[in-house]
Amino acid sequence: MSNLLSKSDTFRLKQGKVLFLAGERSDYLYIIKSGEIRLFDDRDGTLRPVAILEEKNFVEDETLFRGNKTQYIAIAAKDSELVKIKKSEIQEVLGECPEWMTNIMLALTDRLNNTMNMLSDHNIGPSEDSKLFIPRPLLQKYLASIEDYKQHKRFF
């Protein structure tokens, strides 16, 4: 793993900035060194929070095995430092693991994605006392950040 991290890039993402939008090509997995990244679903045109990812968590695991298009919008909820690792390098390391281990990881990723899709399909969202709840003013800031990202397409 240390060999894999030596090939990686570390970068900072300011609070409110977009890491990627749903449907974008993604060749990287991001490990959160510090900060917080929130994932949002916008399939029906409404921005709905689906996950809060904090230090030592990773972003873009759902596309590691299933194509290169992102499923969610990722926005920094706090100033964050991320490590960017090429998915091809991760897949190379996984290729050295027993097949059953890769199959378990694939099954767990699929189960998680199916659960998140089911919650989204049934409009099951956070209540006001949930950690995922986003107050309207903050939601408006996130929407503005998404529009800014679309206009300027910032890649790292």
C-alpha atoms as a PDB file:
ATOM      1  CA  MET A   1       0.000   0.000   0.000  1.00  0.00           C
ATOM      2  CA  SER A   2       2.839   2.418   0.755  1.00  0.00           C
ATOM      3  CA  ASN A   3       4.155   1.809  -2.775  1.00  0.00           C
ATOM      4  CA  LEU A   4       0.709   2.751  -4.105  1.00  0.00           C
ATOM      5  CA  LEU A   5       0.574   5.929  -2.019  1.00  0.00           C
ATOM      6  CA  SER A   6       4.020   6.967  -3.225  1.00  0.00           C
ATOM      7  CA  LYS A   7       2.564   7.243  -6.744  1.00  0.00           C
ATOM      8  CA  SER A   8      -0.338   9.392  -5.557  1.00  0.00           C
ATOM      9  CA  ASP A   9      -0.946  13.136  -5.525  1.00  0.00           C
ATOM     10  CA  THR A  10      -2.117  15.142  -2.537  1.00  0.00           C
ATOM     11  CA  PHE A  11      -4.200  18.282  -3.041  1.00  0.00           C
ATOM     12  CA  ARG A  12      -6.485  20.626  -1.131  1.00  0.00           C
ATOM     13  CA  LEU A  13     -10.130  21.340  -1.841  1.00  0.00           C
ATOM     14  CA  LYS A  14     -11.687  24.408  -0.231  1.00  0.00           C
ATOM     15  CA  GLN A  15     -14.996  24.237   1.605  1.00  0.00           C
ATOM     16  CA  GLY A  16     -17.908  24.414  -0.820  1.00  0.00           C
ATOM     17  CA  LYS A  17     -15.872  23.445  -3.895  1.00  0.00           C
ATOM     18  CA  VAL A  18     -16.984  20.606  -6.161  1.00  0.00           C
ATOM     19  CA  LEU A  19     -14.714  17.586  -6.564  1.00  0.00           C
ATOM     20  CA  PHE A  20     -16.819  16.077  -9.362  1.00  0.00           C
ATOM     21  CA  LEU A  21     -20.358  15.924 -10.753  1.00  0.00           C
ATOM     22  CA  ALA A  22     -22.524  12.870 -11.420  1.00  0.00           C
ATOM     23  CA  GLY A  23     -21.825  11.348 -14.813  1.00  0.00           C
ATOM     24  CA  GLU A  24     -18.260  12.615 -15.142  1.00  0.00           C
ATOM     25  CA  ARG A  25     -15.451  10.290 -16.116  1.00  0.00           C
ATOM     26  CA  SER A  26     -13.396   9.299 -13.095  1.00  0.00           C
ATOM     27  CA  ASP A  27     -10.011   7.608 -13.243  1.00  0.00           C
ATOM     28  CA  TYR A  28      -9.162   8.196  -9.584  1.00  0.00           C
ATOM     29  CA  LEU A  29     -10.058   7.146  -6.083  1.00  0.00           C
ATOM     30  CA  TYR A  30      -9.661   9.858  -3.425  1.00  0.00           C
ATOM     31  CA  ILE A  31      -8.624   9.179   0.166  1.00  0.00           C
ATOM     32  CA  ILE A  32      -9.609  11.906   2.614  1.00  0.00           C
ATOM     33  CA  LYS A  33      -6.567  12.880   4.715  1.00  0.00           C
ATOM     34  CA  SER A  34      -8.499  15.631   6.476  1.00  0.00           C
ATOM     35  CA  GLY A  35     -11.782  17.457   6.090  1.00  0.00           C
ATOM     36  CA  GLU A  36     -15.191  16.294   4.941  1.00  0.00           C
ATOM     37  CA  ILE A  37     -16.699  15.456   1.557  1.00  0.00           C
ATOM     38  CA  ARG A  38     -20.447  15.129   1.055  1.00  0.00           C
ATOM     39  CA  LEU A  39     -22.030  13.080  -1.687  1.00  0.00           C
ATOM     40  CA  PHE A  40     -25.275  14.188  -3.301  1.00  0.00           C
ATOM     41  CA  ASP A  41     -27.758  12.595  -5.670  1.00  0.00           C
ATOM     42  CA  ASP A  42     -29.482  14.822  -8.203  1.00  0.00           C
ATOM     43  CA  ARG A  43     -31.163  12.291 -10.492  1.00  0.00           C
ATOM     44  CA  ASP A  44     -34.540  14.016 -10.355  1.00  0.00           C
ATOM     45  CA  GLY A  45     -33.166  17.558 -10.360  1.00  0.00           C
ATOM     46  CA  THR A  46     -33.272  17.849  -6.568  1.00  0.00           C
ATOM     47  CA  LEU A  47     -29.992  17.879  -4.647  1.00  0.00           C
ATOM     48  CA  ARG A  48     -30.261  15.178  -1.953  1.00  0.00           C
ATOM     49  CA  PRO A  49     -27.453  14.271   0.462  1.00  0.00           C
ATOM     50  CA  VAL A  50     -26.556  10.581   0.494  1.00  0.00           C
ATOM     51  CA  ALA A  51     -23.282  10.364   2.434  1.00  0.00           C
ATOM     52  CA  ILE A  52     -20.827  12.235   4.618  1.00  0.00           C
ATOM     53  CA  LEU A  53     -17.249  11.062   4.178  1.00  0.00           C
ATOM     54  CA  GLU A  54     -14.586  12.092   6.670  1.00  0.00           C
ATOM     55  CA  GLU A  55     -10.909  11.496   7.401  1.00  0.00           C
ATOM     56  CA  LYS A  56      -9.534   8.092   6.290  1.00  0.00           C
ATOM     57  CA  ASN A  57     -12.612   7.454   4.164  1.00  0.00           C
ATOM     58  CA  PHE A  58     -12.483   7.338   0.393  1.00  0.00           C
ATOM     59  CA  VAL A  59     -14.460   8.764  -2.493  1.00  0.00           C
ATOM     60  CA  GLU A  60     -15.229   7.069  -5.808  1.00  0.00           C
ATOM     61  CA  ASP A  61     -15.137   3.474  -4.659  1.00  0.00           C
ATOM     62  CA  GLU A  62     -18.389   2.705  -6.491  1.00  0.00           C
ATOM     63  CA  THR A  63     -16.712   3.141  -9.893  1.00  0.00           C
ATOM     64  CA  LEU A  64     -13.620   1.131  -9.016  1.00  0.00           C
ATOM     65  CA  PHE A  65     -15.208  -2.051 -10.375  1.00  0.00           C
ATOM     66  CA  ARG A  66     -18.070  -0.732 -12.503  1.00  0.00           C
ATOM     67  CA  GLY A  67     -16.997   1.709 -15.177  1.00  0.00           C
ATOM     68  CA  ASN A  68     -15.603   5.207 -14.949  1.00  0.00           C
ATOM     69  CA  LYS A  69     -18.676   7.450 -14.641  1.00  0.00           C
ATOM     70  CA  THR A  70     -19.357   9.001 -11.263  1.00  0.00           C
ATOM     71  CA  GLN A  71     -22.771   8.348  -9.744  1.00  0.00           C
ATOM     72  CA  TYR A  72     -22.914  11.259  -7.299  1.00  0.00           C
ATOM     73  CA  ILE A  73     -21.906  14.884  -6.874  1.00  0.00           C
ATOM     74  CA  ALA A  74     -19.013  15.330  -4.406  1.00  0.00           C
ATOM     75  CA  ILE A  75     -18.595  18.658  -2.584  1.00  0.00           C
ATOM     76  CA  ALA A  76     -16.159  19.629   0.183  1.00  0.00           C
ATOM     77  CA  ALA A  77     -18.234  20.402   3.279  1.00  0.00           C
ATOM     78  CA  LYS A  78     -15.026  21.511   5.057  1.00  0.00           C
ATOM     79  CA  ASP A  79     -11.588  22.489   3.813  1.00  0.00           C
ATOM     80  CA  SER A  80     -10.164  19.116   2.844  1.00  0.00           C
ATOM     81  CA  GLU A  81      -6.906  17.479   1.922  1.00  0.00           C
ATOM     82  CA  LEU A  82      -7.243  14.526  -0.437  1.00  0.00           C
ATOM     83  CA  VAL A  83      -4.932  11.891  -1.843  1.00  0.00           C
ATOM     84  CA  LYS A  84      -5.640  11.074  -5.495  1.00  0.00           C
ATOM     85  CA  ILE A  85      -4.775   7.527  -6.628  1.00  0.00           C
ATOM     86  CA  LYS A  86      -5.209   6.162 -10.147  1.00  0.00           C
ATOM     87  CA  LYS A  87      -7.818   3.426 -10.226  1.00  0.00           C
ATOM     88  CA  SER A  88      -5.674   1.447 -12.666  1.00  0.00           C
ATOM     89  CA  GLU A  89      -2.964   1.235  -9.981  1.00  0.00           C
ATOM     90  CA  ILE A  90      -5.484   0.030  -7.388  1.00  0.00           C
ATOM     91  CA  GLN A  91      -6.826  -2.554  -9.823  1.00  0.00           C
ATOM     92  CA  GLU A  92      -3.257  -3.706 -10.480  1.00  0.00           C
ATOM     93  CA  VAL A  93      -2.748  -4.309  -6.745  1.00  0.00           C
ATOM     94  CA  LEU A  94      -6.136  -6.050  -6.494  1.00  0.00           C
ATOM     95  CA  GLY A  95      -5.095  -8.269  -9.389  1.00  0.00           C
ATOM     96  CA  GLU A  96      -2.439  -9.717  -7.087  1.00  0.00           C
ATOM     97  CA  CYS A  97      -5.077 -10.674  -4.491  1.00  0.00           C
ATOM     98  CA  PRO A  98      -6.957 -13.969  -4.553  1.00  0.00           C
ATOM     99  CA  GLU A  99     -10.023 -13.811  -6.799  1.00  0.00           C
ATOM    100  CA  TRP A 100     -12.372 -14.459  -3.878  1.00  0.00           C
ATOM    101  CA  MET A 101     -11.162 -11.272  -2.156  1.00  0.00           C
ATOM    102  CA  THR A 102     -11.901  -9.152  -5.222  1.00  0.00           C
ATOM    103  CA  ASN A 103     -15.318 -10.847  -5.510  1.00  0.00           C
ATOM    104  CA  ILE A 104     -16.142  -9.965  -1.890  1.00  0.00           C
ATOM    105  CA  MET A 105     -15.156  -6.338  -2.455  1.00  0.00           C
ATOM    106  CA  LEU A 106     -17.262  -6.254  -5.618  1.00  0.00           C
ATOM    107  CA  ALA A 107     -20.290  -7.732  -3.812  1.00  0.00           C
ATOM    108  CA  LEU A 108     -20.002  -5.261  -0.923  1.00  0.00           C
ATOM    109  CA  THR A 109     -19.715  -2.317  -3.319  1.00  0.00           C
ATOM    110  CA  ASP A 110     -22.767  -3.507  -5.259  1.00  0.00           C
ATOM    111  CA  ARG A 111     -24.817  -3.949  -2.068  1.00  0.00           C
ATOM    112  CA  LEU A 112     -23.948  -0.460  -0.892  1.00  0.00           C
ATOM    113  CA  ASN A 113     -24.813   1.054  -4.276  1.00  0.00           C
ATOM    114  CA  ASN A 114     -28.122  -0.836  -4.384  1.00  0.00           C
ATOM    115  CA  THR A 115     -29.034   0.407  -0.910  1.00  0.00           C
ATOM    116  CA  MET A 116     -28.179   4.010  -1.794  1.00  0.00           C
ATOM    117  CA  ASN A 117     -30.184   3.746  -5.032  1.00  0.00           C
ATOM    118  CA  MET A 118     -33.185   2.306  -3.182  1.00  0.00           C
ATOM    119  CA  LEU A 119     -33.135   5.141  -0.648  1.00  0.00           C
ATOM    120  CA  SER A 120     -32.930   7.679  -3.446  1.00  0.00           C
ATOM    121  CA  ASP A 121     -35.640   5.993  -5.553  1.00  0.00           C
ATOM    122  CA  HIS A 122     -38.043   6.104  -2.617  1.00  0.00           C
ATOM    123  CA  ASN A 123     -37.181   9.702  -1.717  1.00  0.00           C
ATOM    124  CA  ILE A 124     -35.969   8.607   1.694  1.00  0.00           C
ATOM    125  CA  GLY A 125     -33.940  11.544   2.871  1.00  0.00           C
ATOM    126  CA  PRO A 126     -32.607  12.969   6.089  1.00  0.00           C
ATOM    127  CA  SER A 127     -34.850  14.536   8.706  1.00  0.00           C
ATOM    128  CA  GLU A 128     -33.937  17.911  10.213  1.00  0.00           C
ATOM    129  CA  ASP A 129     -32.230  16.241  13.164  1.00  0.00           C
ATOM    130  CA  SER A 130     -30.092  14.043  10.897  1.00  0.00           C
ATOM    131  CA  LYS A 131     -26.391  14.691  10.335  1.00  0.00           C
ATOM    132  CA  LEU A 132     -27.147  14.581   6.592  1.00  0.00           C
ATOM    133  CA  PHE A 133     -29.732  17.373   6.762  1.00  0.00           C
ATOM    134  CA  ILE A 134     -28.629  20.513   4.903  1.00  0.00           C
ATOM    135  CA  PRO A 135     -30.180  23.888   5.791  1.00  0.00           C
ATOM    136  CA  ARG A 136     -31.585  25.764   2.803  1.00  0.00           C
ATOM    137  CA  PRO A 137     -28.920  28.559   2.796  1.00  0.00           C
ATOM    138  CA  LEU A 138     -26.115  25.988   2.674  1.00  0.00           C
ATOM    139  CA  LEU A 139     -27.955  24.042  -0.007  1.00  0.00           C
ATOM    140  CA  GLN A 140     -28.149  27.241  -2.085  1.00  0.00           C
ATOM    141  CA  LYS A 141     -24.375  27.714  -1.688  1.00  0.00           C
ATOM    142  CA  TYR A 142     -23.776  24.156  -2.878  1.00  0.00           C
ATOM    143  CA  LEU A 143     -26.020  24.715  -5.902  1.00  0.00           C
ATOM    144  CA  ALA A 144     -24.095  27.900  -6.755  1.00  0.00           C
ATOM    145  CA  SER A 145     -20.812  26.002  -6.392  1.00  0.00           C
ATOM    146  CA  ILE A 146     -22.086  23.351  -8.808  1.00  0.00           C
ATOM    147  CA  GLU A 147     -22.969  26.028 -11.372  1.00  0.00           C
ATOM    148  CA  ASP A 148     -19.534  27.623 -10.939  1.00  0.00           C
ATOM    149  CA  TYR A 149     -17.878  24.229 -11.442  1.00  0.00           C
ATOM    150  CA  LYS A 150     -19.889  23.594 -14.617  1.00  0.00           C
ATOM    151  CA  GLN A 151     -18.770  26.944 -16.017  1.00  0.00           C
ATOM    152  CA  HIS A 152     -15.093  26.580 -15.110  1.00  0.00           C
ATOM    153  CA  LYS A 153     -14.571  22.769 -15.035  1.00  0.00           C
ATOM    154  CA  ARG A 154     -11.811  22.576 -12.440  1.00  0.00           C
ATOM    155  CA  PHE A 155      -9.794  19.385 -12.570  1.00  0.00           C
ATOM    156  CA  PHE A 156      -7.049  18.322 -10.174  1.00  0.00           C
END
